[in-house]
Amino acid sequence: MPEITVSDSLYRQLVSVSEDGDLDKTMWRMVAHYGRGNHPGD
C-alpha cells in the first residue's frame, strides 16, 4: 500500500474523526468521497 506523509496536526485531526480508531477505514472513505465529488458521472 502506498504511504503518505502528513503533518502531526493533520494526523491528529484524522485520528480524532476516525471511527473506532480505524484510520485506514477513514482514509478510504475520504478517497471515495473525493472520487465521487470529482467524477460525479461515474
Protein backbone atom coordinates (compact mmCIF):
# COMPACT_ATOMS: atom_id res chain seq x y z
CA MET A 1 0.00 0.00 0.00
CA PRO A 2 1.33 3.49 -0.75
CA GLU A 3 2.44 5.68 2.11
CA ILE A 4 1.80 9.37 2.56
CA THR A 5 3.47 11.84 4.88
CA VAL A 6 1.29 14.29 6.78
CA SER A 7 1.95 16.85 9.47
CA ASP A 8 1.42 15.91 13.11
CA SER A 9 -1.56 18.26 13.38
CA LEU A 10 -3.28 16.73 10.33
CA TYR A 11 -2.60 13.23 11.65
CA ARG A 12 -4.18 14.13 15.00
CA GLN A 13 -7.24 15.53 13.18
CA LEU A 14 -7.61 12.33 11.14
CA VAL A 15 -7.32 10.16 14.24
CA SER A 16 -9.86 12.29 16.10
CA VAL A 17 -12.51 11.79 13.38
CA SER A 18 -11.74 8.11 12.80
CA GLU A 19 -14.49 5.72 13.80
CA ASP A 20 -13.25 3.31 16.48
CA GLY A 21 -9.70 4.47 15.78
CA ASP A 22 -9.70 2.79 12.34
CA LEU A 23 -7.59 5.26 10.40
CA ASP A 24 -7.42 3.08 7.26
CA LYS A 25 -11.21 2.92 7.01
CA THR A 26 -11.44 6.69 7.45
CA MET A 27 -8.84 7.31 4.74
CA TRP A 28 -10.65 5.01 2.26
CA ARG A 29 -13.93 6.83 2.96
CA MET A 30 -12.19 10.13 2.25
CA VAL A 31 -10.80 8.77 -1.03
CA ALA A 32 -14.24 7.52 -2.08
CA HIS A 33 -15.85 10.83 -1.17
CA TYR A 34 -13.19 12.73 -3.14
CA GLY A 35 -13.71 10.47 -6.16
CA ARG A 36 -17.48 10.98 -6.15
CA GLY A 37 -17.04 14.73 -5.90
CA ASN A 38 -14.62 14.90 -8.80
CA HIS A 39 -16.21 12.27 -11.08
CA PRO A 40 -19.96 12.53 -10.44
CA GLY A 41 -20.87 10.82 -13.72
CA ASP A 42 -19.04 7.58 -12.92
